[in-house]
Amino acid sequence: MAPSSASTISGAFTDSSNGPTSVAPSPLLMAQLARLRRHHTAVATLTGLALAAVVGIELLALALFLDWWLELPWLARLVSLGAQVGILGFILVRYVARPIWQQPSDDELALLVERHRPEFRSRLISAVQFARPGAIPPGASTTLAAAVVAEAERLATPLDFRHAISTQRLRQLGVLAILIPLLALGALWSGREVAVPLLQRALLSTVPVPRKTRVIVPEGNRTIGRGDAVRLEAFAEGVLPTGGRVEVRQPGRRPQVFPLERNRENPRHFGRTIENVQDSFRYQIFLHDGVSPVFEVRALPRPTVASLECAQEFPAYTGLKAMRRNLGDLNLLAGSVLKLRVTATKDLQAAALRLVGPNRELPLQVSDANRREVTGQFTVPTNGLTGFSVRMLDTEDMESRDAAVYRVEVLPDKPPVVRLTHPERKEELVTRYATLLLGLTAQDDFGLARLQLHYKISTVDGGAEKIIELDLEDQRPRQISRRFPWNLGEFRPLLAEGSVIEFWLEAHDINDTTGPGVGRSERQLARVVSQAEKTADLLNRASDALSGIGDVALDQERLNRSLGAIIREKAGM
């Protein structure tokens, strides 16, 4: 194609007297420049995509390697992923999107061609500019401009402007963009047992770093009491090593390394006990090529009892007022209520009272106003209680340990003491019409509620036990002494001779909390005899009494004689 200058120039001119003039744009040049623009955009876009592919895969490979080497925590992997996305985004915007929406102008393309083809000698850029309205000033000749356009067309006809764009970088990056993904896919497939988990971790999964030996720590982060011992344990999966180590790091101190002890019964199990831990520390366990995450052991002071106040409320039936008790003198009456006010050394979320003996726990109330103050109470049982201790759980989930046991001695409410003072003999002879005079005394620490005469008669109702209530006149005396005439003649039918009456007294106290307590006298007998037998018994008793009086008089006389002899001997008579 070699059009003449007359055929290329449109021939439409603007009269110099009417304003600026211009020449018509060359279709050939415009078509060449448009093709060059598309080629420039395509090369720039493909180069940017190839660059993004190469850089993206390299960044991902670097992140996978660092994670495998250093076992990055989740936050570090998040930062790494964000950096990769940011770099890829910059490359895509700068080298892919920008060439599309900011394509070069005709002037820039013309200058690019002229740098590649120096023979144009500014004719191409001039031809482009002369075709713009107002490019030729008023009074200037258009003939020269038309000649420049014609010459530019002549030079451009055999050329392909696209050769002005170098594709060397595109070819280099394109080769890399093909080879690197292929190599990456091959490595991913051949080492999928390692690469797939690393890729998952790069995408913020929580799967562990693949190792020949995988370290499993059943209890990672721990919270212990200050001064306690802590057992650091781990299990190995995969290749089992013969030993391992744990690295302990404390703020402001050099790391310490301790060898791990292998369990002979379970070769997968490794552990190490660290005694008397005073400060918090971080630790990491190493088994073969396996590395555990970094865990923390927090050493916190355990909550203890700073002060304990006790107040005893006696059972209502005692009539005693409440009183404060010292911890060293907890002799408590059964049925009493012991109220406690405990002050702890730390803020608490829960507390309980453990009763030693019954082996049960009672909740204590933590004050909302002061989380270090707890209150509670318990009722003293009749038996089994030997002491109590306070268990506490602070707001950091630290539990008290080896709590002091406060000794308690339970004092039971003693039953009443009741005694028959008359008749004096254990067995008394009575007639069918006799009135048996019973003398009695009874006493209790806090008061008597009931007094009963219990008896059994061998010839009545098969010897069944019967009761006679003794009237206390609606009183609750602490001590009573009285005589009770028991009229045997009121039995109907009358008691048969030979009947044996077994009788005793029972006294009930006013203990309505753990009682009532019941006291019993010794059992005595009364035998029903005839009038003659009773008379003979009385005569024998009188004779015995008189004989006793004579013996006393004789002894007195002997004593007087002995005393006189001693006096005369002393006086020398």
Protein backbone atom coordinates (compact mmCIF):
# COMPACT_ATOMS: atom_id res chain seq x y z
CA MET A 1 0.00 0.00 0.00
CA ALA A 2 1.61 3.27 -1.20
CA PRO A 3 -0.99 5.96 -1.56
CA SER A 4 0.03 9.30 -2.94
CA SER A 5 0.04 12.44 -0.96
CA ALA A 6 -2.93 13.73 -2.94
CA SER A 7 -5.02 10.65 -2.10
CA THR A 8 -4.13 10.69 1.61
CA ILE A 9 -4.90 14.33 2.22
CA SER A 10 -8.57 15.06 2.49
CA GLY A 11 -8.22 18.37 0.69
CA ALA A 12 -10.60 20.09 3.09
CA PHE A 13 -8.84 23.18 4.44
CA THR A 14 -9.94 25.98 6.57
CA ASP A 15 -9.49 29.44 5.17
CA SER A 16 -6.63 31.10 6.96
CA SER A 17 -8.63 34.24 7.17
CA ASN A 18 -11.35 32.50 9.21
CA GLY A 19 -9.19 30.88 11.94
CA PRO A 20 -6.86 27.96 12.62
CA THR A 21 -6.68 25.14 10.14
CA SER A 22 -5.87 21.40 10.36
CA VAL A 23 -5.42 18.36 8.19
CA ALA A 24 -7.60 15.28 8.28
CA PRO A 25 -6.30 12.38 10.44
CA SER A 26 -4.72 9.50 8.59
CA PRO A 27 -6.81 6.28 8.81
CA LEU A 28 -3.67 4.23 8.31
CA LEU A 29 -1.82 5.83 11.16
CA MET A 30 -4.86 5.74 13.46
CA ALA A 31 -5.40 2.04 12.74
CA GLN A 32 -1.72 1.27 13.41
CA LEU A 33 -1.79 3.21 16.66
CA ALA A 34 -5.03 1.52 17.78
CA ARG A 35 -3.50 -1.91 17.12
CA LEU A 36 -0.40 -0.84 19.02
CA ARG A 37 -2.56 0.32 21.96
CA ARG A 38 -4.30 -3.05 22.19
CA HIS A 39 -1.01 -4.85 21.94
CA HIS A 40 0.48 -2.64 24.66
CA THR A 41 -2.46 -3.31 26.99
CA ALA A 42 -2.32 -7.05 26.35
CA VAL A 43 1.42 -7.28 26.96
CA ALA A 44 1.20 -5.18 30.12
CA THR A 45 -1.76 -7.19 31.46
CA LEU A 46 -0.21 -10.59 30.75
CA THR A 47 3.09 -9.45 32.22
CA GLY A 48 1.29 -8.31 35.36
CA LEU A 49 -0.60 -11.61 35.64
CA ALA A 50 2.60 -13.62 35.19
CA LEU A 51 4.33 -11.47 37.78
CA ALA A 52 1.43 -11.93 40.21
CA ALA A 53 1.51 -15.70 39.71
CA VAL A 54 5.27 -15.95 40.27
CA VAL A 55 5.35 -13.62 43.27
CA GLY A 56 2.21 -15.13 44.81
CA ILE A 57 3.52 -18.70 44.66
CA GLU A 58 6.93 -17.64 45.98
CA LEU A 59 5.38 -15.73 48.85
CA LEU A 60 3.15 -18.69 49.70
CA ALA A 61 6.10 -21.07 49.57
CA LEU A 62 8.10 -18.77 51.83
CA ALA A 63 5.18 -18.59 54.29
CA LEU A 64 4.83 -22.39 54.31
CA PHE A 65 8.56 -22.82 54.94
CA LEU A 66 8.59 -20.30 57.79
CA ASP A 67 5.57 -21.95 59.35
CA TRP A 68 7.19 -25.39 59.09
CA TRP A 69 10.44 -24.05 60.54
CA LEU A 70 9.13 -21.74 63.27
CA GLU A 71 5.57 -23.11 63.73
CA LEU A 72 4.00 -19.67 63.54
CA PRO A 73 1.11 -18.85 65.82
CA TRP A 74 -2.30 -18.08 64.39
CA LEU A 75 -1.86 -14.30 64.66
CA ALA A 76 1.47 -14.42 62.80
CA ARG A 77 -0.13 -16.52 60.06
CA LEU A 78 -2.93 -13.99 59.85
CA VAL A 79 -0.41 -11.18 59.39
CA SER A 80 1.45 -13.27 56.78
CA LEU A 81 -1.73 -13.98 54.84
CA GLY A 82 -2.67 -10.30 54.97
CA ALA A 83 0.77 -9.31 53.66
CA GLN A 84 0.50 -11.80 50.79
CA VAL A 85 -2.94 -10.57 49.85
CA GLY A 86 -1.72 -6.96 50.05
CA ILE A 87 1.29 -7.59 47.81
CA LEU A 88 -0.78 -9.51 45.26
CA GLY A 89 -3.40 -6.81 45.31
CA PHE A 90 -0.77 -4.15 44.67
CA ILE A 91 0.67 -6.12 41.71
CA LEU A 92 -2.76 -6.73 40.19
CA VAL A 93 -3.79 -3.09 40.54
CA ARG A 94 -0.45 -1.66 39.44
CA TYR A 95 0.40 -4.02 36.58
CA VAL A 96 -2.95 -5.46 35.47
CA ALA A 97 -5.81 -3.12 36.21
CA ARG A 98 -3.97 0.18 35.70
CA PRO A 99 -2.82 -0.54 32.10
CA ILE A 100 -6.45 -1.33 31.27
CA TRP A 101 -8.04 1.82 32.58
CA GLN A 102 -5.06 4.11 31.90
CA GLN A 103 -4.17 3.19 28.29
CA PRO A 104 -1.47 5.31 26.54
CA SER A 105 -2.53 8.25 24.36
CA ASP A 106 -1.79 8.60 20.62
CA ASP A 107 1.09 10.94 21.38
CA GLU A 108 2.67 8.46 23.83
CA LEU A 109 2.29 5.63 21.34
CA ALA A 110 3.75 7.78 18.51
CA LEU A 111 6.76 8.67 20.62
CA LEU A 112 7.18 4.98 21.52
CA VAL A 113 7.25 4.06 17.82
CA GLU A 114 9.65 6.85 16.98
CA ARG A 115 12.06 5.66 19.71
CA HIS A 116 11.90 2.20 18.15
CA ARG A 117 12.09 3.52 14.54
CA PRO A 118 14.29 6.63 14.50
CA GLU A 119 13.71 7.09 10.73
CA PHE A 120 10.41 8.79 11.41
CA ARG A 121 12.32 11.82 12.74
CA SER A 122 9.27 13.26 14.51
CA ARG A 123 7.06 12.85 11.44
CA LEU A 124 4.72 10.40 13.20
CA ILE A 125 4.09 12.55 16.28
CA SER A 126 3.67 15.57 14.02
CA ALA A 127 1.17 13.73 11.79
CA VAL A 128 -0.83 12.82 14.86
CA GLN A 129 -0.80 16.35 16.24
CA PHE A 130 -1.48 18.13 12.87
CA ALA A 131 -4.74 16.19 12.60
CA ARG A 132 -6.13 17.81 15.72
CA PRO A 133 -8.42 20.82 15.33
CA GLY A 134 -6.56 24.11 15.74
CA ALA A 135 -3.17 22.41 15.47
CA ILE A 136 -2.12 24.76 12.56
CA PRO A 137 -2.16 28.40 13.64
CA PRO A 138 -3.90 31.03 11.53
CA GLY A 139 -1.95 32.11 8.49
CA ALA A 140 0.25 29.01 8.53
CA SER A 141 0.57 26.85 5.46
CA THR A 142 -1.20 23.49 5.49
CA THR A 143 0.79 22.20 2.58
CA LEU A 144 3.75 21.41 4.76
CA ALA A 145 1.56 19.66 7.32
CA ALA A 146 -0.06 17.54 4.63
CA ALA A 147 3.35 16.63 3.31
CA VAL A 148 4.44 15.53 6.81
CA VAL A 149 1.36 13.32 7.16
CA ALA A 150 1.97 11.80 3.73
CA GLU A 151 5.58 11.09 4.54
CA ALA A 152 4.61 9.48 7.84
CA GLU A 153 2.11 7.26 6.07
CA ARG A 154 4.76 6.25 3.56
CA LEU A 155 7.16 5.23 6.32
CA ALA A 156 4.44 3.44 8.36
CA THR A 157 3.01 1.43 5.49
CA PRO A 158 5.53 -1.45 5.60
CA LEU A 159 5.86 -1.43 9.40
CA ASP A 160 4.05 -3.20 12.25
CA PHE A 161 3.94 -0.76 15.16
CA ARG A 162 3.50 -3.65 17.61
CA HIS A 163 7.17 -4.45 17.26
CA ALA A 164 7.85 -1.29 19.24
CA ILE A 165 6.63 -3.12 22.38
CA SER A 166 9.28 -5.40 23.87
CA THR A 167 7.88 -8.78 24.95
CA GLN A 168 11.11 -10.10 26.43
CA ARG A 169 9.99 -9.57 30.02
CA LEU A 170 6.64 -11.15 29.22
CA ARG A 171 8.35 -14.21 27.78
CA GLN A 172 10.63 -14.54 30.79
CA LEU A 173 7.86 -14.14 33.31
CA GLY A 174 5.58 -16.33 31.23
CA VAL A 175 8.06 -19.19 31.37
CA LEU A 176 8.37 -18.73 35.13
CA ALA A 177 4.59 -18.46 35.46
CA ILE A 178 4.27 -21.86 33.80
CA LEU A 179 7.21 -23.64 35.39
CA ILE A 180 6.75 -22.43 38.97
CA PRO A 181 3.07 -23.50 39.25
CA LEU A 182 3.94 -26.87 37.72
CA LEU A 183 6.78 -27.33 40.17
CA ALA A 184 4.55 -26.20 43.01
CA LEU A 185 1.82 -28.67 42.04
CA GLY A 186 4.41 -31.44 41.77
CA ALA A 187 5.83 -30.62 45.17
CA LEU A 188 2.34 -30.37 46.64
CA TRP A 189 1.43 -33.77 45.28
CA SER A 190 4.66 -35.54 46.21
CA GLY A 191 4.78 -34.03 49.69
CA ARG A 192 1.04 -33.77 50.23
CA GLU A 193 1.27 -35.23 53.77
CA VAL A 194 3.29 -32.17 54.75
CA ALA A 195 2.27 -29.58 52.17
CA VAL A 196 -1.50 -29.92 52.52
CA PRO A 197 -1.55 -29.25 56.28
CA LEU A 198 0.88 -26.36 55.80
CA LEU A 199 -1.39 -24.95 53.11
CA GLN A 200 -4.36 -25.31 55.43
CA ARG A 201 -2.44 -23.51 58.17
CA ALA A 202 -1.54 -20.73 55.71
CA LEU A 203 -5.29 -20.32 55.22
CA LEU A 204 -5.62 -19.94 59.02
CA SER A 205 -6.62 -23.51 59.86
CA THR A 206 -5.70 -24.78 63.33
CA VAL A 207 -4.29 -28.13 62.17
CA PRO A 208 -0.85 -28.85 63.67
CA VAL A 209 2.38 -28.46 61.75
CA PRO A 210 3.20 -31.82 60.12
CA ARG A 211 6.20 -33.52 61.66
CA LYS A 212 7.65 -37.00 61.74
CA THR A 213 6.91 -36.85 65.42
CA ARG A 214 3.77 -35.10 66.52
CA VAL A 215 3.72 -33.70 70.06
CA ILE A 216 0.40 -33.85 71.89
CA VAL A 217 0.16 -32.00 75.20
CA PRO A 218 -3.03 -33.07 77.02
CA GLU A 219 -2.90 -30.20 79.51
CA GLY A 220 -1.35 -27.15 77.90
CA ASN A 221 -2.07 -23.96 79.77
CA ARG A 222 -2.22 -24.59 83.48
CA THR A 223 -3.02 -22.64 86.61
CA ILE A 224 -1.42 -23.87 89.82
CA GLY A 225 -0.96 -22.63 93.33
CA ARG A 226 2.24 -20.87 94.21
CA GLY A 227 4.66 -23.33 95.74
CA ASP A 228 2.96 -26.36 94.16
CA ALA A 229 4.67 -28.90 91.94
CA VAL A 230 3.57 -29.14 88.30
CA ARG A 231 3.83 -32.16 86.03
CA LEU A 232 4.51 -31.28 82.38
CA GLU A 233 3.42 -34.18 80.18
CA ALA A 234 3.30 -34.91 76.45
CA PHE A 235 2.55 -37.84 74.15
CA ALA A 236 4.41 -38.61 70.90
CA GLU A 237 2.76 -39.84 67.70
CA GLY A 238 4.60 -41.08 64.61
CA VAL A 239 8.31 -41.66 65.08
CA LEU A 240 8.85 -42.33 68.79
CA PRO A 241 12.01 -40.73 70.18
CA THR A 242 14.02 -42.13 73.06
CA GLY A 243 13.92 -38.85 74.90
CA GLY A 244 12.93 -35.23 74.70
CA ARG A 245 13.25 -31.91 76.44
CA VAL A 246 11.14 -29.11 77.77
CA GLU A 247 12.25 -25.50 77.57
CA VAL A 248 11.07 -23.22 80.37
CA ARG A 249 11.11 -19.46 79.94
CA GLN A 250 10.48 -16.92 82.69
CA PRO A 251 10.41 -13.14 82.24
CA GLY A 252 13.79 -11.60 82.90
CA ARG A 253 15.58 -14.96 83.14
CA ARG A 254 17.52 -17.18 80.79
CA PRO A 255 15.61 -20.14 79.36
CA GLN A 256 16.06 -23.41 81.23
CA VAL A 257 16.06 -26.79 79.52
CA PHE A 258 15.03 -29.97 81.37
CA PRO A 259 15.19 -33.51 79.98
CA LEU A 260 11.92 -35.39 79.77
CA GLU A 261 11.45 -38.76 81.44
CA ARG A 262 10.08 -41.56 79.29
CA ASN A 263 7.39 -43.78 80.75
CA ARG A 264 8.63 -47.35 80.71
CA GLU A 265 5.12 -48.79 80.57
CA ASN A 266 3.99 -46.38 77.84
CA PRO A 267 6.86 -45.37 75.50
CA ARG A 268 4.65 -42.67 73.94
CA HIS A 269 4.40 -40.86 77.26
CA PHE A 270 6.99 -38.29 78.38
CA GLY A 271 6.92 -36.04 81.41
CA ARG A 272 8.81 -33.86 83.85
CA THR A 273 7.90 -32.64 87.32
CA ILE A 274 8.97 -29.15 88.34
CA GLU A 275 8.89 -28.72 92.10
CA ASN A 276 8.02 -25.67 94.18
CA VAL A 277 6.92 -23.32 91.41
CA GLN A 278 7.01 -19.74 92.67
CA ASP A 279 6.54 -17.73 89.45
CA SER A 280 4.56 -18.12 86.24
CA PHE A 281 6.43 -19.40 83.20
CA ARG A 282 6.02 -20.46 79.58
CA TYR A 283 7.16 -23.81 78.28
CA GLN A 284 7.57 -25.69 75.02
CA ILE A 285 8.16 -29.42 74.56
CA PHE A 286 10.48 -30.90 71.93
CA LEU A 287 10.25 -34.57 70.88
CA HIS A 288 12.45 -35.58 67.91
CA ASP A 289 11.49 -33.05 65.20
CA GLY A 290 8.12 -32.36 66.80
CA VAL A 291 7.57 -29.10 68.66
CA SER A 292 4.58 -28.29 70.80
CA PRO A 293 2.96 -24.86 70.91
CA VAL A 294 4.10 -22.51 73.65
CA PHE A 295 1.99 -23.00 76.77
CA GLU A 296 1.82 -21.05 79.99
CA VAL A 297 1.77 -22.16 83.60
CA ARG A 298 0.35 -19.49 85.89
CA ALA A 299 1.48 -19.67 89.51
CA LEU A 300 -1.04 -17.86 91.66
CA PRO A 301 -1.38 -17.64 95.43
CA ARG A 302 -4.15 -19.86 96.69
CA PRO A 303 -6.95 -18.30 98.73
CA THR A 304 -6.59 -18.86 102.46
CA VAL A 305 -8.49 -17.86 105.58
CA ALA A 306 -7.32 -14.51 106.89
CA SER A 307 -9.71 -14.48 109.85
CA LEU A 308 -12.59 -16.59 111.14
CA GLU A 309 -15.22 -15.50 113.66
CA CYS A 310 -17.56 -18.00 115.33
CA ALA A 311 -20.78 -17.38 117.23
CA GLN A 312 -22.80 -20.12 118.93
CA GLU A 313 -26.57 -19.95 119.17
CA PHE A 314 -27.87 -22.39 121.76
CA PRO A 315 -31.08 -24.36 121.25
CA ALA A 316 -34.13 -22.39 122.31
CA TYR A 317 -35.04 -24.84 125.09
CA THR A 318 -31.83 -23.98 126.98
CA GLY A 319 -32.76 -20.33 127.39
CA LEU A 320 -29.09 -19.38 126.93
CA LYS A 321 -27.97 -16.33 124.97
CA ALA A 322 -25.74 -16.52 121.91
CA MET A 323 -22.03 -16.16 122.56
CA ARG A 324 -18.81 -15.81 120.58
CA ARG A 325 -16.47 -18.78 120.59
CA ASN A 326 -12.72 -19.00 120.21
CA LEU A 327 -11.38 -21.35 117.56
CA GLY A 328 -9.42 -23.21 120.23
CA ASP A 329 -12.47 -23.75 122.42
CA LEU A 330 -15.22 -25.15 120.21
CA ASN A 331 -16.98 -27.33 122.76
CA LEU A 332 -20.47 -27.11 121.33
CA LEU A 333 -23.76 -28.35 122.69
CA ALA A 334 -25.48 -30.70 120.24
CA GLY A 335 -28.31 -28.93 118.46
CA SER A 336 -26.59 -25.55 118.61
CA VAL A 337 -26.14 -23.42 115.49
CA LEU A 338 -22.59 -22.26 114.84
CA LYS A 339 -22.49 -19.13 112.71
CA LEU A 340 -19.28 -18.34 110.80
CA ARG A 341 -17.88 -15.16 109.29
CA VAL A 342 -14.79 -15.82 107.15
CA THR A 343 -12.43 -13.27 105.64
CA ALA A 344 -10.29 -14.59 102.78
CA THR A 345 -6.98 -13.36 101.40
CA LYS A 346 -8.41 -13.06 97.84
CA ASP A 347 -11.68 -12.23 96.13
CA LEU A 348 -13.87 -15.33 95.95
CA GLN A 349 -16.48 -16.63 93.57
CA ALA A 350 -17.57 -19.56 95.76
CA ALA A 351 -16.91 -21.11 99.15
CA ALA A 352 -18.07 -24.16 101.06
CA LEU A 353 -17.90 -25.53 104.57
CA ARG A 354 -16.67 -29.12 104.87
CA LEU A 355 -17.81 -30.99 107.98
CA VAL A 356 -15.23 -33.55 109.12
CA GLY A 357 -16.89 -36.72 110.33
CA PRO A 358 -20.19 -36.50 108.44
CA ASN A 359 -18.08 -35.83 105.29
CA ARG A 360 -20.48 -33.41 103.69
CA GLU A 361 -20.24 -29.86 102.42
CA LEU A 362 -22.46 -26.87 103.01
CA PRO A 363 -22.37 -23.78 100.77
CA LEU A 364 -21.17 -20.48 102.17
CA GLN A 365 -22.56 -17.14 101.01
CA VAL A 366 -20.09 -14.75 99.34
CA SER A 367 -20.87 -11.11 100.07
CA ASP A 368 -21.71 -9.01 97.00
CA ALA A 369 -20.25 -5.90 98.63
CA ASN A 370 -16.99 -7.56 99.65
CA ARG A 371 -15.97 -10.63 97.65
CA ARG A 372 -13.48 -11.58 100.35
CA GLU A 373 -16.13 -12.03 103.02
CA VAL A 374 -18.26 -15.17 103.31
CA THR A 375 -20.82 -16.20 105.89
CA GLY A 376 -22.59 -19.42 106.75
CA GLN A 377 -23.79 -21.64 109.54
CA PHE A 378 -24.41 -25.25 110.45
CA THR A 379 -26.30 -27.16 113.11
CA VAL A 380 -24.14 -29.24 115.43
CA PRO A 381 -25.22 -32.90 115.13
CA THR A 382 -25.51 -35.19 118.11
CA ASN A 383 -22.50 -37.28 117.10
CA GLY A 384 -19.93 -37.86 114.37
CA LEU A 385 -18.69 -34.28 113.98
CA THR A 386 -15.01 -33.83 114.82
CA GLY A 387 -14.24 -30.56 113.06
CA PHE A 388 -14.73 -28.40 110.00
CA SER A 389 -12.68 -26.67 107.31
CA VAL A 390 -13.34 -23.91 104.78
CA ARG A 391 -12.88 -24.51 101.04
CA MET A 392 -12.64 -21.52 98.72
CA LEU A 393 -12.53 -20.85 94.99
CA ASP A 394 -11.25 -17.42 93.97
CA THR A 395 -12.17 -15.38 90.92
CA GLU A 396 -9.18 -16.81 89.03
CA ASP A 397 -10.50 -20.37 89.48
CA MET A 398 -7.80 -21.09 92.05
CA GLU A 399 -8.96 -23.45 94.79
CA SER A 400 -7.73 -23.49 98.36
CA ARG A 401 -5.74 -26.53 99.39
CA ASP A 402 -4.73 -28.20 102.67
CA ALA A 403 -7.21 -26.05 104.54
CA ALA A 404 -6.86 -25.96 108.33
CA VAL A 405 -9.28 -28.21 110.20
CA TYR A 406 -10.86 -26.53 113.21
CA ARG A 407 -11.51 -29.13 115.89
CA VAL A 408 -15.00 -29.40 117.36
CA GLU A 409 -16.02 -31.36 120.45
CA VAL A 410 -19.73 -32.10 120.58
CA LEU A 411 -21.25 -31.96 124.04
CA PRO A 412 -24.46 -33.99 124.14
CA ASP A 413 -27.31 -32.83 126.34
CA LYS A 414 -27.12 -35.21 129.29
CA PRO A 415 -30.34 -37.04 130.12
CA PRO A 416 -32.05 -36.35 133.42
CA VAL A 417 -30.86 -38.13 136.55
CA VAL A 418 -33.69 -39.79 138.48
CA ARG A 419 -33.40 -41.91 141.62
CA LEU A 420 -35.73 -43.78 143.94
CA THR A 421 -34.89 -42.78 147.53
CA HIS A 422 -37.65 -44.85 149.15
CA PRO A 423 -38.12 -47.68 149.77
CA GLU A 424 -34.49 -48.31 150.57
CA ARG A 425 -34.58 -52.07 150.07
CA LYS A 426 -34.39 -53.50 146.57
CA GLU A 427 -37.30 -55.77 147.33
CA GLU A 428 -40.20 -54.73 149.53
CA LEU A 429 -43.02 -56.87 150.95
CA VAL A 430 -46.47 -55.34 150.59
CA THR A 431 -50.04 -56.47 151.19
CA ARG A 432 -52.89 -56.26 148.72
CA TYR A 433 -54.25 -53.12 150.43
CA ALA A 434 -50.95 -51.40 151.15
CA THR A 435 -49.93 -47.94 150.07
CA LEU A 436 -46.34 -48.05 148.83
CA LEU A 437 -44.63 -44.76 149.59
CA LEU A 438 -42.17 -43.89 146.82
CA GLY A 439 -39.51 -41.28 147.50
CA LEU A 440 -37.83 -39.80 144.41
CA THR A 441 -35.42 -37.16 143.25
CA ALA A 442 -34.85 -35.98 139.64
CA GLN A 443 -32.75 -33.25 138.10
CA ASP A 444 -31.72 -31.95 134.63
CA ASP A 445 -29.42 -29.23 133.36
CA PHE A 446 -32.20 -27.30 131.63
CA GLY A 447 -35.53 -28.63 132.90
CA LEU A 448 -37.82 -31.63 133.33
CA ALA A 449 -40.79 -32.09 131.04
CA ARG A 450 -42.28 -35.43 132.23
CA LEU A 451 -41.98 -37.80 135.18
CA GLN A 452 -43.38 -41.32 134.90
CA LEU A 453 -43.72 -44.41 137.08
CA HIS A 454 -43.26 -47.58 135.03
CA TYR A 455 -44.24 -50.96 136.43
CA LYS A 456 -44.90 -54.57 135.53
CA ILE A 457 -47.06 -56.99 137.55
CA SER A 458 -46.34 -60.65 136.99
CA THR A 459 -49.98 -61.67 137.40
CA VAL A 460 -51.57 -58.84 135.38
CA ASP A 461 -51.80 -58.82 131.57
CA GLY A 462 -48.94 -61.23 131.24
CA GLY A 463 -46.48 -58.83 132.88
CA ALA A 464 -47.09 -56.02 130.36
CA GLU A 465 -45.43 -52.69 131.09
CA LYS A 466 -47.73 -49.91 132.33
CA ILE A 467 -47.18 -46.22 133.03
CA ILE A 468 -48.46 -43.74 135.61
CA GLU A 469 -47.86 -40.07 134.80
CA LEU A 470 -46.70 -38.04 137.78
CA ASP A 471 -48.06 -34.52 137.77
CA LEU A 472 -45.45 -31.73 137.54
CA GLU A 473 -48.17 -29.05 137.86
CA ASP A 474 -47.34 -27.49 134.45
CA GLN A 475 -43.87 -26.61 135.60
CA ARG A 476 -40.48 -27.43 134.12
CA PRO A 477 -38.28 -27.61 137.16
CA ARG A 478 -34.58 -28.36 136.90
CA GLN A 479 -34.71 -30.32 140.17
CA ILE A 480 -37.48 -32.06 141.99
CA SER A 481 -37.70 -34.08 145.24
CA ARG A 482 -41.00 -35.53 146.40
CA ARG A 483 -42.86 -38.54 147.72
CA PHE A 484 -45.58 -40.37 145.85
CA PRO A 485 -48.04 -42.64 147.68
CA TRP A 486 -48.86 -45.54 145.43
CA ASN A 487 -52.14 -47.07 146.62
CA LEU A 488 -52.00 -50.74 145.64
CA GLY A 489 -55.49 -51.26 146.96
CA GLU A 490 -56.93 -49.41 143.99
CA PHE A 491 -56.15 -52.26 141.61
CA ARG A 492 -59.24 -54.08 140.51
CA PRO A 493 -59.33 -56.91 140.97
CA LEU A 494 -57.05 -56.83 143.95
CA LEU A 495 -53.57 -58.11 143.38
CA ALA A 496 -53.11 -61.76 144.11
CA GLU A 497 -50.75 -62.83 146.86
CA GLY A 498 -47.42 -63.87 145.34
CA SER A 499 -47.57 -61.23 142.65
CA VAL A 500 -44.26 -59.53 141.92
CA ILE A 501 -44.30 -55.84 141.02
CA GLU A 502 -41.25 -54.50 139.14
CA PHE A 503 -41.17 -50.70 139.11
CA TRP A 504 -38.87 -47.85 138.15
CA LEU A 505 -38.99 -44.14 137.31
CA GLU A 506 -38.39 -42.38 134.00
CA ALA A 507 -37.75 -38.62 133.62
CA HIS A 508 -37.91 -36.75 130.25
CA ASP A 509 -36.14 -33.43 129.76
CA ILE A 510 -37.35 -30.44 127.72
CA ASN A 511 -34.86 -31.00 124.86
CA ASP A 512 -37.02 -30.62 121.75
CA THR A 513 -34.03 -30.27 119.41
CA THR A 514 -31.95 -33.43 119.73
CA GLY A 515 -34.00 -35.19 122.42
CA PRO A 516 -35.85 -35.58 124.54
CA GLY A 517 -33.32 -37.13 126.87
CA VAL A 518 -34.67 -39.89 129.08
CA GLY A 519 -33.25 -40.86 132.47
CA ARG A 520 -34.20 -44.08 134.32
CA SER A 521 -33.83 -45.12 137.91
CA GLU A 522 -32.78 -48.55 139.08
CA ARG A 523 -35.50 -51.14 139.04
CA GLN A 524 -36.95 -52.31 142.35
CA LEU A 525 -39.36 -55.07 143.35
CA ALA A 526 -42.41 -55.30 145.55
CA ARG A 527 -43.85 -58.70 146.44
CA VAL A 528 -47.53 -59.04 147.46
CA VAL A 529 -47.79 -61.16 150.63
CA SER A 530 -50.38 -61.94 153.25
CA GLN A 531 -50.96 -59.80 156.30
CA ALA A 532 -49.20 -62.36 158.52
CA GLU A 533 -46.12 -62.42 156.34
CA LYS A 534 -46.01 -58.64 156.34
CA THR A 535 -46.32 -58.55 160.16
CA ALA A 536 -43.51 -61.05 160.54
CA ASP A 537 -41.38 -59.00 158.22
CA LEU A 538 -41.98 -55.87 160.24
CA LEU A 539 -41.11 -57.67 163.51
CA ASN A 540 -37.90 -59.00 162.01
CA ARG A 541 -36.96 -55.54 160.81
CA ALA A 542 -37.69 -54.09 164.30
CA SER A 543 -35.60 -56.80 165.95
CA ASP A 544 -32.76 -56.10 163.59
CA ALA A 545 -33.00 -52.42 164.40
CA LEU A 546 -32.93 -53.03 168.17
CA SER A 547 -30.02 -55.42 167.81
CA GLY A 548 -28.18 -52.78 165.92
CA ILE A 549 -28.83 -50.23 168.67
CA GLY A 550 -27.45 -52.64 171.32
CA ASP A 551 -24.34 -53.23 169.31
CA VAL A 552 -23.81 -49.50 169.02
CA ALA A 553 -24.19 -49.03 172.80
CA LEU A 554 -21.71 -51.83 173.51
CA ASP A 555 -19.21 -50.32 171.11
CA GLN A 556 -19.63 -46.94 172.79
CA GLU A 557 -18.94 -48.44 176.23
CA ARG A 558 -15.76 -50.13 174.97
CA LEU A 559 -14.60 -46.87 173.46
CA ASN A 560 -15.15 -45.01 176.71
CA ARG A 561 -13.08 -47.57 178.66
CA SER A 562 -10.24 -47.36 176.16
CA LEU A 563 -10.28 -43.57 176.29
CA GLY A 564 -10.09 -43.55 180.15
CA ALA A 565 -7.12 -45.89 180.13
CA ILE A 566 -5.29 -43.70 177.65
CA ILE A 567 -5.93 -40.58 179.78
CA ARG A 568 -4.63 -42.25 182.99
CA GLU A 569 -1.53 -43.49 181.19
CA LYS A 570 -0.72 -40.03 179.94
CA ALA A 571 -1.22 -38.53 183.43
CA GLY A 572 1.11 -41.09 185.11
CA MET A 573 -1.50 -42.34 187.48
